[in-house]
Amino acid sequence: MISAEPTIAEPSPGRVYRAPVAVVKHLLGVMCAYAVTGCATSSPSGPALPPLQTVPSVELSRYVGTWYEIASYPQSFQRGCTGTTATYTLRKDGNVDVVNRCRKDTLDGRLKSARGRARVVDPQSNAELEVSFFRPFWGDYWIIDLADDYDYAVVGHPSRDYLWILSRSPAMDASTYEAILGRLEAQSYETDRLRRTLQPA
C-alpha cells in the first residue's frame, strides 16, 4: 500500500524529495510485511482507471484491534504466510501503532512479525491513511469497504495493485465475501487475482 511516488522528508522543513519508483517497489515488501498495511504483479492500473472510492467515514476507535486476513493479492513479502493478522492500537498523538503477524508455511510454523505506524491523511473521513515500517517511507492505506458493525474491512490502493480483505474473525461467510467481491469489481479490481488466506478453524 504505497503510492508510486512516496515522499522522503529532510530534517529541514519545507523540502520534500521523491523516492525513485524502483527503490520504493524494492522496499515495499519490507515496509508492509505479512499483512495489510506494499512488488505486485501486473494490474489494470493506468490513466483509464476511475478514482478509487473510500468509505465515507471511519471511527478509528472502532477500527483498532485485531483483524484477520481473509484474502489478498499475492505479494512476494507475504509468500508462505498463513494465519496472517494485523493489530492496530490508537496512540495518544492520534497515530496508530501497527503489528503485522503471520506463521510461515503452516499454522504451526515460525511466527513472523513487523511493527510500524499509521497516520491519517484525510482527517475528514479517516479513510485514507499512510503506513510506514521503515520511515521516512510511507505507503497508502485506503479503507474502501467497511461493515456497519466493523466486522469486516477492505484495504486497497489507488493503483489497484494491492488489496486485502479483513475480518474480525478467522472466517467469513460466503454471502458476505461474494458481496464484497461485487463491490470490488465495481471499483475496477480484478477479483480473480485474490487468494484466500489460510486461517485457524
Protein backbone atom coordinates (compact mmCIF):
# COMPACT_ATOMS: atom_id res chain seq x y z
CA MET A 1 0.00 0.00 0.00
CA ILE A 2 2.28 2.66 -1.20
CA SER A 3 1.93 5.40 -3.72
CA ALA A 4 4.03 5.46 -6.87
CA GLU A 5 5.87 8.49 -5.56
CA PRO A 6 6.22 8.28 -1.76
CA THR A 7 7.79 11.25 -0.09
CA ILE A 8 11.06 11.45 1.82
CA ALA A 9 11.21 14.44 4.13
CA GLU A 10 14.52 16.07 5.01
CA PRO A 11 15.24 17.24 8.58
CA SER A 12 14.89 20.83 7.39
CA PRO A 13 11.23 21.77 6.92
CA GLY A 14 9.79 22.79 3.62
CA ARG A 15 11.82 20.49 1.36
CA VAL A 16 10.43 17.15 0.21
CA TYR A 17 12.09 14.66 -2.10
CA ARG A 18 10.56 11.82 -4.10
CA ALA A 19 11.94 8.31 -3.84
CA PRO A 20 12.62 6.56 -7.16
CA VAL A 21 9.84 4.11 -8.02
CA ALA A 22 12.29 1.21 -8.34
CA VAL A 23 13.61 1.82 -4.83
CA VAL A 24 10.11 2.04 -3.41
CA LYS A 25 8.96 -1.20 -5.01
CA HIS A 26 12.07 -2.96 -3.70
CA LEU A 27 11.37 -1.75 -0.16
CA LEU A 28 7.65 -2.39 -0.38
CA GLY A 29 7.89 -5.97 0.80
CA VAL A 30 9.80 -4.93 3.88
CA MET A 31 7.57 -1.98 4.67
CA CYS A 32 4.28 -3.83 4.60
CA ALA A 33 5.44 -7.31 5.50
CA TYR A 34 2.90 -10.03 6.26
CA ALA A 35 -0.36 -8.11 6.16
CA VAL A 36 -2.45 -5.21 5.31
CA THR A 37 -0.88 -2.41 5.73
CA GLY A 38 3.05 -2.64 -0.19
CA CYS A 39 6.08 -5.75 -5.84
CA ALA A 40 2.78 -6.70 -7.23
CA THR A 41 2.06 -8.45 -10.48
CA SER A 42 0.57 -6.54 -13.37
CA SER A 43 -2.74 -4.80 -12.80
CA PRO A 44 -5.30 -2.72 -14.69
CA SER A 45 -3.75 0.43 -13.24
CA GLY A 46 -3.41 3.35 -15.63
CA PRO A 47 -4.98 6.63 -16.65
CA ALA A 48 -8.24 4.94 -17.68
CA LEU A 49 -9.00 3.83 -14.11
CA PRO A 50 -11.61 5.84 -12.22
CA PRO A 51 -10.55 7.28 -8.86
CA LEU A 52 -10.67 4.70 -6.08
CA GLN A 53 -13.51 5.47 -3.67
CA THR A 54 -13.01 5.12 0.07
CA VAL A 55 -15.76 4.70 2.65
CA PRO A 56 -17.39 7.95 3.82
CA SER A 57 -16.04 7.80 7.36
CA VAL A 58 -14.10 5.62 9.78
CA GLU A 59 -14.17 5.77 13.58
CA LEU A 60 -10.60 4.89 14.45
CA SER A 61 -11.58 3.95 17.99
CA ARG A 62 -13.76 1.19 16.49
CA TYR A 63 -11.34 0.25 13.73
CA VAL A 64 -8.39 -0.52 16.02
CA GLY A 65 -7.92 -4.02 17.36
CA THR A 66 -7.01 -7.26 15.61
CA TRP A 67 -8.01 -8.14 12.04
CA TYR A 68 -7.63 -11.50 10.30
CA GLU A 69 -6.64 -11.53 6.65
CA ILE A 70 -9.29 -13.43 4.68
CA ALA A 71 -7.89 -12.87 1.20
CA SER A 72 -5.35 -10.68 -0.56
CA TYR A 73 -3.48 -10.08 -3.78
CA PRO A 74 -0.36 -12.27 -3.64
CA GLN A 75 2.75 -10.31 -2.75
CA SER A 76 6.32 -11.54 -2.52
CA PHE A 77 6.71 -10.28 1.04
CA GLN A 78 3.79 -12.47 2.14
CA ARG A 79 4.95 -15.63 0.40
CA GLY A 80 4.38 -18.61 2.66
CA CYS A 81 2.36 -16.63 5.21
CA THR A 82 -0.56 -18.30 6.96
CA GLY A 83 -2.73 -17.14 9.85
CA THR A 84 -1.98 -13.53 8.90
CA THR A 85 -3.24 -10.83 11.27
CA ALA A 86 -2.86 -7.09 11.77
CA THR A 87 -3.30 -5.46 15.16
CA TYR A 88 -3.83 -1.70 15.44
CA THR A 89 -3.54 0.37 18.62
CA LEU A 90 -4.57 4.01 18.82
CA ARG A 91 -1.84 6.31 20.14
CA LYS A 92 -2.26 9.44 22.22
CA ASP A 93 -0.93 11.54 19.35
CA GLY A 94 -3.71 10.29 17.07
CA ASN A 95 -1.49 7.95 15.08
CA VAL A 96 -1.86 4.18 15.12
CA ASP A 97 0.68 1.54 16.11
CA VAL A 98 0.66 -1.44 13.74
CA VAL A 99 1.78 -5.02 14.39
CA ASN A 100 1.53 -7.47 11.49
CA ARG A 101 1.99 -11.18 12.17
CA CYS A 102 1.90 -14.45 10.26
CA ARG A 103 3.01 -18.06 10.56
CA LYS A 104 5.49 -19.33 8.00
CA ASP A 105 4.12 -22.07 5.67
CA THR A 106 1.76 -23.68 8.21
CA LEU A 107 -0.43 -22.52 11.08
CA ASP A 108 2.14 -24.08 13.43
CA GLY A 109 5.07 -22.54 11.61
CA ARG A 110 7.56 -19.93 12.75
CA LEU A 111 5.97 -16.64 13.84
CA LYS A 112 7.00 -13.59 11.82
CA SER A 113 6.08 -10.06 12.80
CA ALA A 114 6.65 -6.47 11.75
CA ARG A 115 5.94 -3.27 13.67
CA GLY A 116 5.03 0.04 12.10
CA ARG A 117 2.92 3.13 12.41
CA ALA A 118 -0.05 4.56 10.52
CA ARG A 119 -1.22 8.14 10.23
CA VAL A 120 -4.39 9.70 8.90
CA VAL A 121 -4.06 11.60 5.62
CA ASP A 122 -7.71 12.63 5.25
CA PRO A 123 -8.97 13.74 8.69
CA GLN A 124 -12.45 14.44 7.34
CA SER A 125 -13.11 10.75 6.71
CA ASN A 126 -10.21 8.92 8.43
CA ALA A 127 -10.48 6.50 5.48
CA GLU A 128 -7.21 7.49 3.81
CA LEU A 129 -4.13 6.64 5.85
CA GLU A 130 -0.45 6.04 5.29
CA VAL A 131 1.56 3.28 6.93
CA SER A 132 5.28 3.02 7.49
CA PHE A 133 7.50 0.21 8.69
CA PHE A 134 10.71 1.98 7.71
CA ARG A 135 10.47 5.74 7.97
CA PRO A 136 10.74 8.04 6.11
CA PHE A 137 8.89 5.81 3.61
CA TRP A 138 5.09 5.88 3.85
CA GLY A 139 2.58 3.86 1.83
CA ASP A 140 -1.09 4.46 1.08
CA TYR A 141 -3.62 2.52 3.16
CA TRP A 142 -7.15 3.26 1.94
CA ILE A 143 -10.22 1.75 3.57
CA ILE A 144 -12.54 1.10 0.64
CA ASP A 145 -15.18 -1.12 2.25
CA LEU A 146 -16.26 -1.41 5.87
CA ALA A 147 -19.10 -3.20 7.63
CA ASP A 148 -21.51 -1.05 9.63
CA ASP A 149 -20.57 -3.05 12.73
CA TYR A 150 -16.84 -3.03 11.81
CA ASP A 151 -16.92 -6.81 11.38
CA TYR A 152 -15.03 -6.68 8.08
CA ALA A 153 -12.92 -4.18 6.18
CA VAL A 154 -11.27 -3.97 2.78
CA VAL A 155 -7.98 -2.11 2.28
CA GLY A 156 -6.80 -1.04 -1.14
CA HIS A 157 -4.54 1.29 -3.06
CA PRO A 158 -5.46 3.74 -5.84
CA SER A 159 -3.24 1.82 -8.30
CA ARG A 160 -5.36 -1.34 -7.74
CA ASP A 161 -2.08 -3.25 -7.25
CA TYR A 162 -2.74 -4.09 -3.60
CA LEU A 163 -5.82 -5.49 -1.91
CA TRP A 164 -6.62 -7.05 1.47
CA ILE A 165 -9.96 -8.36 2.76
CA LEU A 166 -10.02 -8.39 6.57
CA SER A 167 -12.34 -9.75 9.21
CA ARG A 168 -12.64 -9.63 12.97
CA SER A 169 -12.82 -13.43 12.97
CA PRO A 170 -10.70 -16.01 11.11
CA ALA A 171 -13.63 -16.97 8.85
CA MET A 172 -16.08 -15.04 6.67
CA ASP A 173 -19.41 -16.38 5.44
CA ALA A 174 -19.73 -16.94 1.71
CA SER A 175 -22.51 -14.41 1.13
CA THR A 176 -20.54 -11.59 2.76
CA TYR A 177 -17.44 -12.49 0.77
CA GLU A 178 -19.32 -12.60 -2.53
CA ALA A 179 -20.95 -9.23 -1.83
CA ILE A 180 -17.51 -7.72 -1.18
CA LEU A 181 -16.25 -9.13 -4.48
CA GLY A 182 -19.12 -7.49 -6.31
CA ARG A 183 -18.30 -4.09 -4.84
CA LEU A 184 -14.61 -4.56 -5.64
CA GLU A 185 -15.39 -5.33 -9.27
CA ALA A 186 -17.43 -2.12 -9.41
CA GLN A 187 -14.24 -0.35 -8.28
CA SER A 188 -12.24 -1.87 -11.17
CA TYR A 189 -10.49 -4.53 -9.09
CA GLU A 190 -9.63 -7.88 -10.69
CA THR A 191 -11.12 -10.20 -8.07
CA ASP A 192 -9.77 -13.34 -9.74
CA ARG A 193 -6.33 -12.27 -8.52
CA LEU A 194 -7.40 -12.70 -4.90
CA ARG A 195 -6.05 -15.66 -2.96
CA ARG A 196 -7.67 -16.90 0.23
CA THR A 197 -5.52 -16.86 3.37
CA LEU A 198 -5.28 -19.99 5.50
CA GLN A 199 -6.59 -19.23 9.00
CA PRO A 200 -7.21 -21.43 12.03
CA ALA A 201 -10.64 -23.04 12.14
